[in-house]
Full PDB file with SEQRES, HELIX, SHEET, SSBOND, CRYST1, ORIGX, SCALE, CONECT and MASTER records, all heavy atoms in Angstrom:
SEQRES   1 A   37  ILE ALA LEU MET PHE VAL PRO THR ALA VAL LEU ILE PRO          
SEQRES   2 A   37  ARG TYR LEU VAL ILE CYS ASN LEU GLY LEU ILE ASP ASN          
SEQRES   3 A   37  ILE TRP ALA HIS VAL LEU PRO LEU LEU ALA TYR                  
HELIX    1 AA1 ALA A    2  MET A    4  5                                   3    
HELIX    2 AA2 PRO A    7  VAL A   10  5                                   4    
HELIX    3 AA3 LEU A   11  ASN A   20  1                                  10    
HELIX    4 AA4 TRP A   28  VAL A   31  1                                   4    
HELIX    5 AA5 LEU A   32  LEU A   34  5                                   3    
CRYST1    1.000    1.000    1.000  90.00  90.00  90.00 P 1           1          
ORIGX1      1.000000  0.000000  0.000000        0.00000                         
ORIGX2      0.000000  1.000000  0.000000        0.00000                         
ORIGX3      0.000000  0.000000  1.000000        0.00000                         
SCALE1      1.000000  0.000000  0.000000        0.00000                         
SCALE2      0.000000  1.000000  0.000000        0.00000                         
SCALE3      0.000000  0.000000  1.000000        0.00000                         
ATOM      1  N   ILE A   1      74.278 -81.273 -30.202  1.00  0.00           N  
ATOM      2  CA  ILE A   1      74.676 -80.098 -30.984  1.00  0.00           C  
ATOM      3  C   ILE A   1      73.551 -79.675 -31.928  1.00  0.00           C  
ATOM      4  O   ILE A   1      73.303 -78.485 -32.143  1.00  0.00           O  
ATOM      5  CB  ILE A   1      75.965 -80.396 -31.772  1.00  0.00           C  
ATOM      6  CG1 ILE A   1      77.137 -80.602 -30.807  1.00  0.00           C  
ATOM      7  CG2 ILE A   1      76.271 -79.278 -32.759  1.00  0.00           C  
ATOM      8  CD1 ILE A   1      78.416 -81.059 -31.479  1.00  0.00           C  
ATOM      9  N   ALA A   2      72.839 -80.672 -32.463  1.00  0.00           N  
ATOM     10  CA  ALA A   2      71.744 -80.379 -33.393  1.00  0.00           C  
ATOM     11  C   ALA A   2      70.620 -79.597 -32.721  1.00  0.00           C  
ATOM     12  O   ALA A   2      69.865 -78.895 -33.399  1.00  0.00           O  
ATOM     13  CB  ALA A   2      71.194 -81.678 -33.977  1.00  0.00           C  
ATOM     14  N   LEU A   3      70.514 -79.707 -31.405  1.00  0.00           N  
ATOM     15  CA  LEU A   3      69.483 -78.959 -30.679  1.00  0.00           C  
ATOM     16  C   LEU A   3      69.692 -77.452 -30.803  1.00  0.00           C  
ATOM     17  O   LEU A   3      68.738 -76.680 -30.638  1.00  0.00           O  
ATOM     18  CB  LEU A   3      69.480 -79.360 -29.201  1.00  0.00           C  
ATOM     19  CG  LEU A   3      69.027 -80.790 -28.870  1.00  0.00           C  
ATOM     20  CD1 LEU A   3      69.276 -81.091 -27.402  1.00  0.00           C  
ATOM     21  CD2 LEU A   3      67.568 -80.980 -29.208  1.00  0.00           C  
ATOM     22  N   MET A   4      70.905 -77.032 -31.067  1.00  0.00           N  
ATOM     23  CA  MET A   4      71.212 -75.603 -31.118  1.00  0.00           C  
ATOM     24  C   MET A   4      70.881 -74.971 -32.466  1.00  0.00           C  
ATOM     25  O   MET A   4      70.867 -73.751 -32.589  1.00  0.00           O  
ATOM     26  CB  MET A   4      72.699 -75.365 -30.804  1.00  0.00           C  
ATOM     27  CG  MET A   4      73.124 -75.843 -29.425  1.00  0.00           C  
ATOM     28  SD  MET A   4      74.828 -75.411 -29.047  1.00  0.00           S  
ATOM     29  CE  MET A   4      75.711 -76.391 -30.268  1.00  0.00           C  
ATOM     30  N   PHE A   5      70.622 -75.774 -33.484  1.00  0.00           N  
ATOM     31  CA  PHE A   5      70.403 -75.239 -34.827  1.00  0.00           C  
ATOM     32  C   PHE A   5      68.914 -75.043 -35.094  1.00  0.00           C  
ATOM     33  O   PHE A   5      68.112 -75.956 -34.881  1.00  0.00           O  
ATOM     34  CB  PHE A   5      70.991 -76.174 -35.885  1.00  0.00           C  
ATOM     35  CG  PHE A   5      72.496 -76.190 -35.916  1.00  0.00           C  
ATOM     36  CD1 PHE A   5      73.212 -77.098 -35.151  1.00  0.00           C  
ATOM     37  CD2 PHE A   5      73.187 -75.280 -36.695  1.00  0.00           C  
ATOM     38  CE1 PHE A   5      74.594 -77.113 -35.177  1.00  0.00           C  
ATOM     39  CE2 PHE A   5      74.581 -75.285 -36.728  1.00  0.00           C  
ATOM     40  CZ  PHE A   5      75.278 -76.198 -35.964  1.00  0.00           C  
ATOM     41  N   VAL A   6      68.552 -73.887 -35.566  1.00  0.00           N  
ATOM     42  CA  VAL A   6      67.184 -73.624 -35.999  1.00  0.00           C  
ATOM     43  C   VAL A   6      67.037 -74.104 -37.441  1.00  0.00           C  
ATOM     44  O   VAL A   6      68.042 -74.230 -38.166  1.00  0.00           O  
ATOM     45  CB  VAL A   6      66.853 -72.118 -35.892  1.00  0.00           C  
ATOM     46  CG1 VAL A   6      66.887 -71.670 -34.447  1.00  0.00           C  
ATOM     47  CG2 VAL A   6      67.817 -71.289 -36.730  1.00  0.00           C  
ATOM     48  N   PRO A   7      65.813 -74.386 -37.904  1.00  0.00           N  
ATOM     49  CA  PRO A   7      65.640 -74.891 -39.280  1.00  0.00           C  
ATOM     50  C   PRO A   7      66.249 -73.996 -40.348  1.00  0.00           C  
ATOM     51  O   PRO A   7      66.761 -74.479 -41.359  1.00  0.00           O  
ATOM     52  CB  PRO A   7      64.115 -74.963 -39.413  1.00  0.00           C  
ATOM     53  CG  PRO A   7      63.622 -75.166 -38.019  1.00  0.00           C  
ATOM     54  CD  PRO A   7      64.557 -74.385 -37.147  1.00  0.00           C  
ATOM     55  N   THR A   8      66.223 -72.686 -40.129  1.00  0.00           N  
ATOM     56  CA  THR A   8      66.761 -71.768 -41.135  1.00  0.00           C  
ATOM     57  C   THR A   8      68.255 -71.982 -41.352  1.00  0.00           C  
ATOM     58  O   THR A   8      68.767 -71.820 -42.474  1.00  0.00           O  
ATOM     59  CB  THR A   8      66.513 -70.308 -40.700  1.00  0.00           C  
ATOM     60  OG1 THR A   8      65.129 -70.134 -40.425  1.00  0.00           O  
ATOM     61  CG2 THR A   8      66.942 -69.337 -41.774  1.00  0.00           C  
ATOM     62  N   ALA A   9      68.972 -72.379 -40.302  1.00  0.00           N  
ATOM     63  CA  ALA A   9      70.427 -72.556 -40.401  1.00  0.00           C  
ATOM     64  C   ALA A   9      70.810 -73.741 -41.278  1.00  0.00           C  
ATOM     65  O   ALA A   9      71.913 -73.778 -41.826  1.00  0.00           O  
ATOM     66  CB  ALA A   9      71.025 -72.720 -39.007  1.00  0.00           C  
ATOM     67  N   VAL A  10      69.911 -74.710 -41.411  1.00  0.00           N  
ATOM     68  CA  VAL A  10      70.224 -75.903 -42.209  1.00  0.00           C  
ATOM     69  C   VAL A  10      69.379 -75.943 -43.484  1.00  0.00           C  
ATOM     70  O   VAL A  10      69.247 -76.994 -44.106  1.00  0.00           O  
ATOM     71  CB  VAL A  10      69.988 -77.186 -41.385  1.00  0.00           C  
ATOM     72  CG1 VAL A  10      70.956 -77.254 -40.224  1.00  0.00           C  
ATOM     73  CG2 VAL A  10      68.558 -77.262 -40.872  1.00  0.00           C  
ATOM     74  N   LEU A  11      68.812 -74.814 -43.855  1.00  0.00           N  
ATOM     75  CA  LEU A  11      67.937 -74.773 -45.027  1.00  0.00           C  
ATOM     76  C   LEU A  11      68.685 -75.138 -46.311  1.00  0.00           C  
ATOM     77  O   LEU A  11      68.213 -75.962 -47.110  1.00  0.00           O  
ATOM     78  CB  LEU A  11      67.315 -73.382 -45.160  1.00  0.00           C  
ATOM     79  CG  LEU A  11      66.342 -73.181 -46.325  1.00  0.00           C  
ATOM     80  CD1 LEU A  11      65.174 -74.152 -46.209  1.00  0.00           C  
ATOM     81  CD2 LEU A  11      65.841 -71.745 -46.353  1.00  0.00           C  
ATOM     82  N   ILE A  12      69.869 -74.546 -46.507  1.00  0.00           N  
ATOM     83  CA  ILE A  12      70.631 -74.818 -47.734  1.00  0.00           C  
ATOM     84  C   ILE A  12      71.114 -76.269 -47.787  1.00  0.00           C  
ATOM     85  O   ILE A  12      70.949 -76.937 -48.827  1.00  0.00           O  
ATOM     86  CB  ILE A  12      71.799 -73.826 -47.869  1.00  0.00           C  
ATOM     87  CG1 ILE A  12      71.250 -72.405 -48.065  1.00  0.00           C  
ATOM     88  CG2 ILE A  12      72.712 -74.212 -49.029  1.00  0.00           C  
ATOM     89  CD1 ILE A  12      72.323 -71.330 -48.142  1.00  0.00           C  
ATOM     90  N   PRO A  13      71.724 -76.819 -46.719  1.00  0.00           N  
ATOM     91  CA  PRO A  13      72.111 -78.240 -46.778  1.00  0.00           C  
ATOM     92  C   PRO A  13      70.923 -79.173 -47.035  1.00  0.00           C  
ATOM     93  O   PRO A  13      71.052 -80.142 -47.786  1.00  0.00           O  
ATOM     94  CB  PRO A  13      72.717 -78.489 -45.390  1.00  0.00           C  
ATOM     95  CG  PRO A  13      73.185 -77.151 -44.940  1.00  0.00           C  
ATOM     96  CD  PRO A  13      72.202 -76.174 -45.481  1.00  0.00           C  
ATOM     97  N   ARG A  14      69.786 -78.870 -46.432  1.00  0.00           N  
ATOM     98  CA  ARG A  14      68.604 -79.699 -46.678  1.00  0.00           C  
ATOM     99  C   ARG A  14      68.198 -79.655 -48.149  1.00  0.00           C  
ATOM    100  O   ARG A  14      67.878 -80.680 -48.752  1.00  0.00           O  
ATOM    101  CB  ARG A  14      67.437 -79.236 -45.806  1.00  0.00           C  
ATOM    102  CG  ARG A  14      67.461 -79.760 -44.382  1.00  0.00           C  
ATOM    103  CD  ARG A  14      66.213 -79.322 -43.645  1.00  0.00           C  
ATOM    104  NE  ARG A  14      66.149 -79.899 -42.316  1.00  0.00           N  
ATOM    105  CZ  ARG A  14      65.165 -79.668 -41.446  1.00  0.00           C  
ATOM    106  NH1 ARG A  14      64.174 -78.852 -41.774  1.00  0.00           N  
ATOM    107  NH2 ARG A  14      65.169 -80.232 -40.253  1.00  0.00           N  
ATOM    108  N   TYR A  15      68.208 -78.454 -48.710  1.00  0.00           N  
ATOM    109  CA  TYR A  15      67.818 -78.328 -50.117  1.00  0.00           C  
ATOM    110  C   TYR A  15      68.777 -79.107 -51.011  1.00  0.00           C  
ATOM    111  O   TYR A  15      68.345 -79.776 -51.964  1.00  0.00           O  
ATOM    112  CB  TYR A  15      67.782 -76.852 -50.524  1.00  0.00           C  
ATOM    113  CG  TYR A  15      67.439 -76.657 -51.978  1.00  0.00           C  
ATOM    114  CD1 TYR A  15      66.118 -76.693 -52.403  1.00  0.00           C  
ATOM    115  CD2 TYR A  15      68.442 -76.472 -52.931  1.00  0.00           C  
ATOM    116  CE1 TYR A  15      65.801 -76.538 -53.743  1.00  0.00           C  
ATOM    117  CE2 TYR A  15      68.139 -76.319 -54.269  1.00  0.00           C  
ATOM    118  CZ  TYR A  15      66.816 -76.345 -54.676  1.00  0.00           C  
ATOM    119  OH  TYR A  15      66.491 -76.208 -55.989  1.00  0.00           O  
ATOM    120  N   LEU A  16      70.075 -79.018 -50.739  1.00  0.00           N  
ATOM    121  CA  LEU A  16      71.052 -79.730 -51.553  1.00  0.00           C  
ATOM    122  C   LEU A  16      70.856 -81.238 -51.464  1.00  0.00           C  
ATOM    123  O   LEU A  16      70.975 -81.949 -52.467  1.00  0.00           O  
ATOM    124  CB  LEU A  16      72.470 -79.348 -51.105  1.00  0.00           C  
ATOM    125  CG  LEU A  16      72.888 -77.899 -51.370  1.00  0.00           C  
ATOM    126  CD1 LEU A  16      74.267 -77.624 -50.786  1.00  0.00           C  
ATOM    127  CD2 LEU A  16      72.867 -77.587 -52.862  1.00  0.00           C  
ATOM    128  N   VAL A  17      70.539 -81.730 -50.253  1.00  0.00           N  
ATOM    129  CA  VAL A  17      70.302 -83.170 -50.089  1.00  0.00           C  
ATOM    130  C   VAL A  17      69.068 -83.598 -50.879  1.00  0.00           C  
ATOM    131  O   VAL A  17      69.091 -84.603 -51.608  1.00  0.00           O  
ATOM    132  CB  VAL A  17      70.145 -83.519 -48.595  1.00  0.00           C  
ATOM    133  CG1 VAL A  17      69.671 -84.958 -48.433  1.00  0.00           C  
ATOM    134  CG2 VAL A  17      71.461 -83.322 -47.859  1.00  0.00           C  
ATOM    135  N   ILE A  18      67.983 -82.850 -50.725  1.00  0.00           N  
ATOM    136  CA  ILE A  18      66.746 -83.188 -51.434  1.00  0.00           C  
ATOM    137  C   ILE A  18      66.956 -83.123 -52.944  1.00  0.00           C  
ATOM    138  O   ILE A  18      66.486 -83.993 -53.700  1.00  0.00           O  
ATOM    139  CB  ILE A  18      65.612 -82.233 -51.011  1.00  0.00           C  
ATOM    140  CG1 ILE A  18      65.249 -82.438 -49.539  1.00  0.00           C  
ATOM    141  CG2 ILE A  18      64.381 -82.435 -51.885  1.00  0.00           C  
ATOM    142  CD1 ILE A  18      64.708 -83.804 -49.217  1.00  0.00           C  
ATOM    143  N   CYS A  19      67.684 -82.107 -53.389  1.00  0.00           N  
ATOM    144  CA  CYS A  19      67.933 -81.949 -54.823  1.00  0.00           C  
ATOM    145  C   CYS A  19      68.792 -83.093 -55.362  1.00  0.00           C  
ATOM    146  O   CYS A  19      68.503 -83.658 -56.428  1.00  0.00           O  
ATOM    147  CB  CYS A  19      68.602 -80.603 -55.082  1.00  0.00           C  
ATOM    148  SG  CYS A  19      68.823 -80.203 -56.837  1.00  0.00           S  
ATOM    149  N   ASN A  20      69.849 -83.462 -54.647  1.00  0.00           N  
ATOM    150  CA  ASN A  20      70.733 -84.544 -55.099  1.00  0.00           C  
ATOM    151  C   ASN A  20      70.052 -85.903 -55.073  1.00  0.00           C  
ATOM    152  O   ASN A  20      70.433 -86.804 -55.825  1.00  0.00           O  
ATOM    153  CB  ASN A  20      72.000 -84.577 -54.238  1.00  0.00           C  
ATOM    154  CG  ASN A  20      72.906 -83.381 -54.488  1.00  0.00           C  
ATOM    155  OD1 ASN A  20      72.931 -82.836 -55.590  1.00  0.00           O  
ATOM    156  ND2 ASN A  20      73.649 -82.965 -53.473  1.00  0.00           N  
ATOM    157  N   LEU A  21      69.066 -86.057 -54.214  1.00  0.00           N  
ATOM    158  CA  LEU A  21      68.310 -87.308 -54.171  1.00  0.00           C  
ATOM    159  C   LEU A  21      67.215 -87.362 -55.240  1.00  0.00           C  
ATOM    160  O   LEU A  21      66.547 -88.384 -55.391  1.00  0.00           O  
ATOM    161  CB  LEU A  21      67.671 -87.493 -52.791  1.00  0.00           C  
ATOM    162  CG  LEU A  21      68.615 -87.796 -51.627  1.00  0.00           C  
ATOM    163  CD1 LEU A  21      67.846 -87.842 -50.315  1.00  0.00           C  
ATOM    164  CD2 LEU A  21      69.336 -89.122 -51.857  1.00  0.00           C  
ATOM    165  N   GLY A  22      67.040 -86.270 -55.953  1.00  0.00           N  
ATOM    166  CA  GLY A  22      66.032 -86.235 -57.010  1.00  0.00           C  
ATOM    167  C   GLY A  22      64.607 -86.203 -56.482  1.00  0.00           C  
ATOM    168  O   GLY A  22      63.698 -86.755 -57.118  1.00  0.00           O  
ATOM    169  N   LEU A  23      64.406 -85.567 -55.330  1.00  0.00           N  
ATOM    170  CA  LEU A  23      63.077 -85.560 -54.700  1.00  0.00           C  
ATOM    171  C   LEU A  23      62.333 -84.238 -54.877  1.00  0.00           C  
ATOM    172  O   LEU A  23      61.315 -84.025 -54.222  1.00  0.00           O  
ATOM    173  CB  LEU A  23      63.221 -85.871 -53.204  1.00  0.00           C  
ATOM    174  CG  LEU A  23      63.750 -87.266 -52.869  1.00  0.00           C  
ATOM    175  CD1 LEU A  23      63.878 -87.438 -51.365  1.00  0.00           C  
ATOM    176  CD2 LEU A  23      62.833 -88.342 -53.449  1.00  0.00           C  
ATOM    177  N   ILE A  24      62.844 -83.357 -55.716  1.00  0.00           N  
ATOM    178  CA  ILE A  24      62.101 -82.127 -55.991  1.00  0.00           C  
ATOM    179  C   ILE A  24      60.769 -82.497 -56.656  1.00  0.00           C  
ATOM    180  O   ILE A  24      60.722 -83.318 -57.577  1.00  0.00           O  
ATOM    181  CB  ILE A  24      62.910 -81.183 -56.906  1.00  0.00           C  
ATOM    182  CG1 ILE A  24      64.224 -80.787 -56.219  1.00  0.00           C  
ATOM    183  CG2 ILE A  24      62.098 -79.951 -57.262  1.00  0.00           C  
ATOM    184  CD1 ILE A  24      64.040 -79.972 -54.945  1.00  0.00           C  
ATOM    185  N   ASP A  25      59.683 -81.885 -56.193  1.00  0.00           N  
ATOM    186  CA  ASP A  25      58.328 -82.192 -56.664  1.00  0.00           C  
ATOM    187  C   ASP A  25      57.960 -83.654 -56.402  1.00  0.00           C  
ATOM    188  O   ASP A  25      57.251 -84.284 -57.198  1.00  0.00           O  
ATOM    189  CB  ASP A  25      58.179 -81.881 -58.153  1.00  0.00           C  
ATOM    190  CG  ASP A  25      57.983 -80.396 -58.423  1.00  0.00           C  
ATOM    191  OD1 ASP A  25      57.612 -79.658 -57.479  1.00  0.00           O  
ATOM    192  OD2 ASP A  25      58.209 -79.963 -59.560  1.00  0.00           O  
ATOM    193  N   ASN A  26      58.444 -84.175 -55.286  1.00  0.00           N  
ATOM    194  CA  ASN A  26      58.099 -85.529 -54.854  1.00  0.00           C  
ATOM    195  C   ASN A  26      57.492 -85.444 -53.468  1.00  0.00           C  
ATOM    196  O   ASN A  26      57.939 -84.665 -52.631  1.00  0.00           O  
ATOM    197  CB  ASN A  26      59.354 -86.414 -54.842  1.00  0.00           C  
ATOM    198  CG  ASN A  26      59.027 -87.878 -54.629  1.00  0.00           C  
ATOM    199  OD1 ASN A  26      58.426 -88.263 -53.633  1.00  0.00           O  
ATOM    200  ND2 ASN A  26      59.419 -88.706 -55.591  1.00  0.00           N  
ATOM    201  N   ILE A  27      56.465 -86.250 -53.210  1.00  0.00           N  
ATOM    202  CA  ILE A  27      55.765 -86.182 -51.926  1.00  0.00           C  
ATOM    203  C   ILE A  27      56.692 -86.497 -50.763  1.00  0.00           C  
ATOM    204  O   ILE A  27      56.506 -86.016 -49.635  1.00  0.00           O  
ATOM    205  CB  ILE A  27      54.551 -87.148 -51.928  1.00  0.00           C  
ATOM    206  CG1 ILE A  27      53.598 -86.846 -50.767  1.00  0.00           C  
ATOM    207  CG2 ILE A  27      55.023 -88.595 -51.892  1.00  0.00           C  
ATOM    208  CD1 ILE A  27      52.865 -85.546 -50.898  1.00  0.00           C  
ATOM    209  N   TRP A  28      57.748 -87.284 -51.036  1.00  0.00           N  
ATOM    210  CA  TRP A  28      58.682 -87.645 -49.966  1.00  0.00           C  
ATOM    211  C   TRP A  28      59.597 -86.491 -49.573  1.00  0.00           C  
ATOM    212  O   TRP A  28      60.283 -86.556 -48.563  1.00  0.00           O  
ATOM    213  CB  TRP A  28      59.505 -88.857 -50.375  1.00  0.00           C  
ATOM    214  CG  TRP A  28      58.668 -90.095 -50.440  1.00  0.00           C  
ATOM    215  CD1 TRP A  28      58.160 -90.679 -51.554  1.00  0.00           C  
ATOM    216  CD2 TRP A  28      58.207 -90.875 -49.338  1.00  0.00           C  
ATOM    217  NE1 TRP A  28      57.412 -91.782 -51.213  1.00  0.00           N  
ATOM    218  CE2 TRP A  28      57.431 -91.929 -49.870  1.00  0.00           C  
ATOM    219  CE3 TRP A  28      58.384 -90.790 -47.965  1.00  0.00           C  
ATOM    220  CZ2 TRP A  28      56.816 -92.883 -49.054  1.00  0.00           C  
ATOM    221  CZ3 TRP A  28      57.781 -91.747 -47.152  1.00  0.00           C  
ATOM    222  CH2 TRP A  28      57.011 -92.769 -47.698  1.00  0.00           C  
ATOM    223  N   ALA A  29      59.597 -85.425 -50.363  1.00  0.00           N  
ATOM    224  CA  ALA A  29      60.351 -84.230 -49.973  1.00  0.00           C  
ATOM    225  C   ALA A  29      59.732 -83.570 -48.749  1.00  0.00           C  
ATOM    226  O   ALA A  29      60.400 -82.828 -48.022  1.00  0.00           O  
ATOM    227  CB  ALA A  29      60.396 -83.233 -51.131  1.00  0.00           C  
ATOM    228  N   HIS A  30      58.441 -83.840 -48.507  1.00  0.00           N  
ATOM    229  CA  HIS A  30      57.800 -83.357 -47.287  1.00  0.00           C  
ATOM    230  C   HIS A  30      58.228 -84.178 -46.071  1.00  0.00           C  
ATOM    231  O   HIS A  30      58.259 -83.671 -44.956  1.00  0.00           O  
ATOM    232  CB  HIS A  30      56.270 -83.453 -47.412  1.00  0.00           C  
ATOM    233  CG  HIS A  30      55.669 -82.505 -48.389  1.00  0.00           C  
ATOM    234  ND1 HIS A  30      55.617 -81.147 -48.187  1.00  0.00           N  
ATOM    235  CD2 HIS A  30      55.080 -82.722 -49.597  1.00  0.00           C  
ATOM    236  CE1 HIS A  30      55.015 -80.566 -49.205  1.00  0.00           C  
ATOM    237  NE2 HIS A  30      54.684 -81.496 -50.084  1.00  0.00           N  
ATOM    238  N   VAL A  31      58.520 -85.459 -46.297  1.00  0.00           N  
ATOM    239  CA  VAL A  31      58.708 -86.406 -45.192  1.00  0.00           C  
ATOM    240  C   VAL A  31      60.152 -86.474 -44.714  1.00  0.00           C  
ATOM    241  O   VAL A  31      60.427 -86.316 -43.512  1.00  0.00           O  
ATOM    242  CB  VAL A  31      58.221 -87.804 -45.616  1.00  0.00           C  
ATOM    243  CG1 VAL A  31      58.467 -88.821 -44.494  1.00  0.00           C  
ATOM    244  CG2 VAL A  31      56.741 -87.763 -45.992  1.00  0.00           C  
ATOM    245  N   LEU A  32      61.084 -86.692 -45.615  1.00  0.00           N  
ATOM    246  CA  LEU A  32      62.468 -86.985 -45.230  1.00  0.00           C  
ATOM    247  C   LEU A  32      63.127 -85.900 -44.374  1.00  0.00           C  
ATOM    248  O   LEU A  32      63.812 -86.228 -43.399  1.00  0.00           O  
ATOM    249  CB  LEU A  32      63.304 -87.262 -46.479  1.00  0.00           C  
ATOM    250  CG  LEU A  32      62.969 -88.543 -47.250  1.00  0.00           C  
ATOM    251  CD1 LEU A  32      63.911 -88.714 -48.439  1.00  0.00           C  
ATOM    252  CD2 LEU A  32      63.057 -89.761 -46.341  1.00  0.00           C  
ATOM    253  N   PRO A  33      62.960 -84.609 -44.671  1.00  0.00           N  
ATOM    254  CA  PRO A  33      63.656 -83.604 -43.852  1.00  0.00           C  
ATOM    255  C   PRO A  33      63.185 -83.548 -42.404  1.00  0.00           C  
ATOM    256  O   PRO A  33      63.887 -82.997 -41.555  1.00  0.00           O  
ATOM    257  CB  PRO A  33      63.337 -82.283 -44.571  1.00  0.00           C  
ATOM    258  CG  PRO A  33      62.984 -82.668 -45.966  1.00  0.00           C  
ATOM    259  CD  PRO A  33      62.298 -83.986 -45.836  1.00  0.00           C  
ATOM    260  N   LEU A  34      62.016 -84.127 -42.102  1.00  0.00           N  
ATOM    261  CA  LEU A  34      61.453 -84.000 -40.766  1.00  0.00           C  
ATOM    262  C   LEU A  34      61.490 -85.299 -39.964  1.00  0.00           C  
ATOM    263  O   LEU A  34      60.943 -85.354 -38.859  1.00  0.00           O  
ATOM    264  CB  LEU A  34      59.996 -83.514 -40.858  1.00  0.00           C  
ATOM    265  CG  LEU A  34      59.783 -82.184 -41.593  1.00  0.00           C  
ATOM    266  CD1 LEU A  34      58.300 -81.851 -41.660  1.00  0.00           C  
ATOM    267  CD2 LEU A  34      60.543 -81.063 -40.908  1.00  0.00           C  
ATOM    268  N   LEU A  35      62.127 -86.322 -40.493  1.00  0.00           N  
ATOM    269  CA  LEU A  35      62.150 -87.605 -39.778  1.00  0.00           C  
ATOM    270  C   LEU A  35      62.990 -87.537 -38.509  1.00  0.00           C  
ATOM    271  O   LEU A  35      62.629 -88.118 -37.487  1.00  0.00           O  
ATOM    272  CB  LEU A  35      62.683 -88.704 -40.696  1.00  0.00           C  
ATOM    273  CG  LEU A  35      61.758 -89.163 -41.822  1.00  0.00           C  
ATOM    274  CD1 LEU A  35      62.415 -90.278 -42.616  1.00  0.00           C  
ATOM    275  CD2 LEU A  35      60.410 -89.617 -41.276  1.00  0.00           C  
ATOM    276  N   ALA A  36      64.120 -86.853 -38.572  1.00  0.00           N  
ATOM    277  CA  ALA A  36      65.002 -86.753 -37.403  1.00  0.00           C  
ATOM    278  C   ALA A  36      64.630 -85.510 -36.612  1.00  0.00           C  
ATOM    279  O   ALA A  36      64.641 -84.398 -37.144  1.00  0.00           O  
ATOM    280  CB  ALA A  36      66.461 -86.688 -37.843  1.00  0.00           C  
ATOM    281  N   TYR A  37      64.304 -85.718 -35.320  1.00  0.00           N  
ATOM    282  CA  TYR A  37      63.926 -84.603 -34.460  1.00  0.00           C  
ATOM    283  C   TYR A  37      64.723 -84.713 -33.162  1.00  0.00           C  
ATOM    284  O   TYR A  37      64.403 -85.527 -32.301  1.00  0.00           O  
ATOM    285  CB  TYR A  37      62.427 -84.631 -34.188  1.00  0.00           C  
ATOM    286  CG  TYR A  37      61.876 -83.315 -33.684  1.00  0.00           C  
ATOM    287  CD1 TYR A  37      62.414 -82.103 -34.084  1.00  0.00           C  
ATOM    288  CD2 TYR A  37      60.802 -83.284 -32.810  1.00  0.00           C  
ATOM    289  CE1 TYR A  37      61.906 -80.909 -33.639  1.00  0.00           C  
ATOM    290  CE2 TYR A  37      60.273 -82.086 -32.347  1.00  0.00           C  
ATOM    291  CZ  TYR A  37      60.846 -80.903 -32.781  1.00  0.00           C  
ATOM    292  OH  TYR A  37      60.346 -79.705 -32.329  1.00  0.00           O  
TER     293      TYR A  37                                                      
MASTER        0    0    0    5    0    0    0    6  292    1    0    3          
END                                                                             
């Protein structure tokens, strides 16, 4: 099912996850959203 979603469709959920994890302005904010492909 995830194959059908483009990155733009999950932009808001990704931002909320990164924000809740406290990774804003953290180098790992570049890494974590792209680990699952």
